[in-house]
C-alpha atoms as a PDB file:
ATOM      1  CA  MET A   1      96.147 109.201 116.023  1.00  0.00           C
ATOM      2  CA  ARG A   2      96.924 109.636 112.305  1.00  0.00           C
ATOM      3  CA  ARG A   3      98.726 112.667 111.009  1.00  0.00           C
ATOM      4  CA  PRO A   4      98.191 112.938 107.256  1.00  0.00           C
ATOM      5  CA  GLU A   5     100.903 115.575 106.899  1.00  0.00           C
ATOM      6  CA  LEU A   6     103.516 112.924 107.767  1.00  0.00           C
ATOM      7  CA  GLU A   7     102.197 110.193 105.486  1.00  0.00           C
ATOM      8  CA  LYS A   8     104.150 109.213 102.424  1.00  0.00           C
ATOM      9  CA  ASP A   9     103.084 110.618  99.040  1.00  0.00           C
ATOM     10  CA  ASN A  10     100.772 113.156 100.570  1.00  0.00           C
ATOM     11  CA  PRO A  11     100.654 116.169  98.233  1.00  0.00           C
ATOM     12  CA  THR A  12      99.524 118.440 101.070  1.00  0.00           C
ATOM     13  CA  ALA A  13     102.398 117.577 103.335  1.00  0.00           C
ATOM     14  CA  PRO A  14     104.964 120.353 103.734  1.00  0.00           C
ATOM     15  CA  GLN A  15     108.242 119.745 101.887  1.00  0.00           C
ATOM     16  CA  LEU A  16     111.599 120.873 103.089  1.00  0.00           C
ATOM     17  CA  TYR A  17     113.467 123.151 100.645  1.00  0.00           C
ATOM     18  CA  VAL A  18     116.645 121.579  99.328  1.00  0.00           C
ATOM     19  CA  GLY A  19     118.868 124.082  97.484  1.00  0.00           C
ATOM     20  CA  PRO A  20     121.221 123.291  94.618  1.00  0.00           C
ATOM     21  CA  ARG A  21     124.339 123.072  96.775  1.00  0.00           C
ATOM     22  CA  ARG A  22     122.695 120.683  99.214  1.00  0.00           C
ATOM     23  CA  ARG A  23     121.265 118.630  96.366  1.00  0.00           C
ATOM     24  CA  ARG A  24     124.732 118.259  94.745  1.00  0.00           C
ATOM     25  CA  ALA A  25     126.275 117.337  98.131  1.00  0.00           C
ATOM     26  CA  LEU A  26     123.615 114.724  98.670  1.00  0.00           C
ATOM     27  CA  SER A  27     124.071 113.230  95.226  1.00  0.00           C
ATOM     28  CA  ARG A  28     127.835 113.065  95.759  1.00  0.00           C
ATOM     29  CA  ALA A  29     127.332 111.381  99.124  1.00  0.00           C
ATOM     30  CA  THR A  30     124.994 108.712  97.739  1.00  0.00           C
ATOM     31  CA  THR A  31     126.851 107.802  94.567  1.00  0.00           C
ATOM     32  CA  PRO A  32     128.798 104.537  95.101  1.00  0.00           C
ATOM     33  CA  SER A  33     132.503 104.444  94.448  1.00  0.00           C
ATOM     34  CA  HIS A  34     133.294 102.111  91.526  1.00  0.00           C
ATOM     35  CA  ALA A  35     137.086 102.308  91.648  1.00  0.00           C
ATOM     36  CA  PRO A  36     137.596  99.591  94.340  1.00  0.00           C
ATOM     37  CA  ALA A  37     135.158  97.238  92.556  1.00  0.00           C
ATOM     38  CA  GLN A  38     136.966  97.766  89.204  1.00  0.00           C
ATOM     39  CA  ASP A  39     140.291  97.083  90.885  1.00  0.00           C
ATOM     40  CA  ALA A  40     138.991  93.857  92.376  1.00  0.00           C
ATOM     41  CA  ILE A  41     137.623  92.763  89.037  1.00  0.00           C
ATOM     42  CA  ALA A  42     140.882  93.600  87.298  1.00  0.00           C
ATOM     43  CA  ALA A  43     142.838  91.603  89.936  1.00  0.00           C
ATOM     44  CA  THR A  44     140.474  88.658  89.544  1.00  0.00           C
ATOM     45  CA  MET A  45     140.789  88.765  85.757  1.00  0.00           C
ATOM     46  CA  GLN A  46     144.556  88.927  86.044  1.00  0.00           C
ATOM     47  CA  ALA A  47     144.625  85.862  88.377  1.00  0.00           C
ATOM     48  CA  LEU A  48     142.306  83.908  86.064  1.00  0.00           C
ATOM     49  CA  THR A  49     144.440  84.820  83.055  1.00  0.00           C
ATOM     50  CA  ALA A  50     147.588  83.703  84.833  1.00  0.00           C
ATOM     51  CA  ALA A  51     145.974  80.415  85.815  1.00  0.00           C
ATOM     52  CA  ALA A  52     144.705  79.858  82.252  1.00  0.00           C
ATOM     53  CA  GLU A  53     148.190  80.590  80.867  1.00  0.00           C
ATOM     54  CA  GLU A  54     149.751  78.048  83.248  1.00  0.00           C
ATOM     55  CA  PHE A  55     147.119  75.497  82.271  1.00  0.00           C
ATOM     56  CA  VAL A  56     147.691  76.018  78.528  1.00  0.00           C
ATOM     57  CA  SER A  57     151.450  75.848  78.837  1.00  0.00           C
ATOM     58  CA  GLY A  58     151.335  72.769  81.054  1.00  0.00           C
ATOM     59  CA  VAL A  59     148.958  70.645  79.008  1.00  0.00           C
ATOM     60  CA  PRO A  60     150.671  68.748  76.160  1.00  0.00           C
ATOM     61  CA  TYR A  61     149.529  69.546  72.627  1.00  0.00           C
ATOM     62  CA  MET A  62     146.783  67.208  71.366  1.00  0.00           C
ATOM     63  CA  GLN A  63     145.082  67.649  68.055  1.00  0.00           C
ATOM     64  CA  ASP A  64     141.777  66.549  69.552  1.00  0.00           C
ATOM     65  CA  LEU A  65     141.851  69.512  71.929  1.00  0.00           C
ATOM     66  CA  ASP A  66     143.174  72.086  69.453  1.00  0.00           C
ATOM     67  CA  LYS A  67     139.787  73.827  69.097  1.00  0.00           C
ATOM     68  CA  GLU A  68     139.347  74.292  72.833  1.00  0.00           C
ATOM     69  CA  ARG A  69     143.005  75.305  73.313  1.00  0.00           C
ATOM     70  CA  ASN A  70     142.718  77.969  70.630  1.00  0.00           C
ATOM     71  CA  ALA A  71     139.454  79.265  72.215  1.00  0.00           C
ATOM     72  CA  LEU A  72     141.215  79.531  75.567  1.00  0.00           C
ATOM     73  CA  LEU A  73     144.199  81.312  73.991  1.00  0.00           C
ATOM     74  CA  ALA A  74     141.824  83.794  72.254  1.00  0.00           C
ATOM     75  CA  ALA A  75     140.081  84.456  75.607  1.00  0.00           C
ATOM     76  CA  ILE A  76     143.455  85.040  77.270  1.00  0.00           C
ATOM     77  CA  ALA A  77     144.482  87.456  74.528  1.00  0.00           C
ATOM     78  CA  GLN A  78     141.169  89.330  74.796  1.00  0.00           C
ATOM     79  CA  THR A  79     141.536  89.561  78.586  1.00  0.00           C
ATOM     80  CA  GLN A  80     145.071  90.861  78.324  1.00  0.00           C
ATOM     81  CA  THR A  81     143.924  93.485  75.807  1.00  0.00           C
ATOM     82  CA  LEU A  82     141.180  94.536  78.161  1.00  0.00           C
ATOM     83  CA  LEU A  83     143.522  94.686  81.131  1.00  0.00           C
ATOM     84  CA  ALA A  84     146.046  96.677  79.085  1.00  0.00           C
ATOM     85  CA  THR A  85     143.385  99.274  78.284  1.00  0.00           C
ATOM     86  CA  GLU A  86     142.579  99.488  81.977  1.00  0.00           C
ATOM     87  CA  HIS A  87     146.276 100.254  82.632  1.00  0.00           C
ATOM     88  CA  VAL A  88     146.779  97.065  84.622  1.00  0.00           C
ATOM     89  CA  THR A  89     150.102  95.302  84.157  1.00  0.00           C
ATOM     90  CA  VAL A  90     149.987  91.778  82.822  1.00  0.00           C
ATOM     91  CA  THR A  91     152.756  89.442  83.999  1.00  0.00           C
ATOM     92  CA  ARG A  92     153.462  87.627  80.711  1.00  0.00           C
ATOM     93  CA  ALA A  93     151.944  87.060  77.287  1.00  0.00           C
ATOM     94  CA  ALA A  94     150.248  83.820  76.288  1.00  0.00           C
ATOM     95  CA  ARG A  95     152.003  81.470  73.938  1.00  0.00           C
ATOM     96  CA  THR A  96     150.371  80.732  70.637  1.00  0.00           C
ATOM     97  CA  SER A  97     149.485  77.237  69.566  1.00  0.00           C
ATOM     98  CA  LYS A  98     151.787  75.218  67.319  1.00  0.00           C
ATOM     99  CA  ARG A  99     150.524  74.627  63.816  1.00  0.00           C
ATOM    100  CA  ARG A 100     151.236  71.126  62.558  1.00  0.00           C
END
């Protein structure tokens, strides 16, 4: 037995009234919380930055790899700037490359 009043997208089906207070409460209940995700991303970026800093400081200077090393240092600096604007503490600053 089909009941057309219960079928989806039926313009003749009765609609429940949802007032403005209920609508706001429903929208607050359904919006996802972004703060934990941003904290996780910031922590991941901080860990990656620390690992990249350790890698850069541990690898001996080679002129052949100067281009890649400078690109990595620029990425570290950009990440630290982003983390600083997000009010996340950065453990230490990256060292700049030696010019020879």
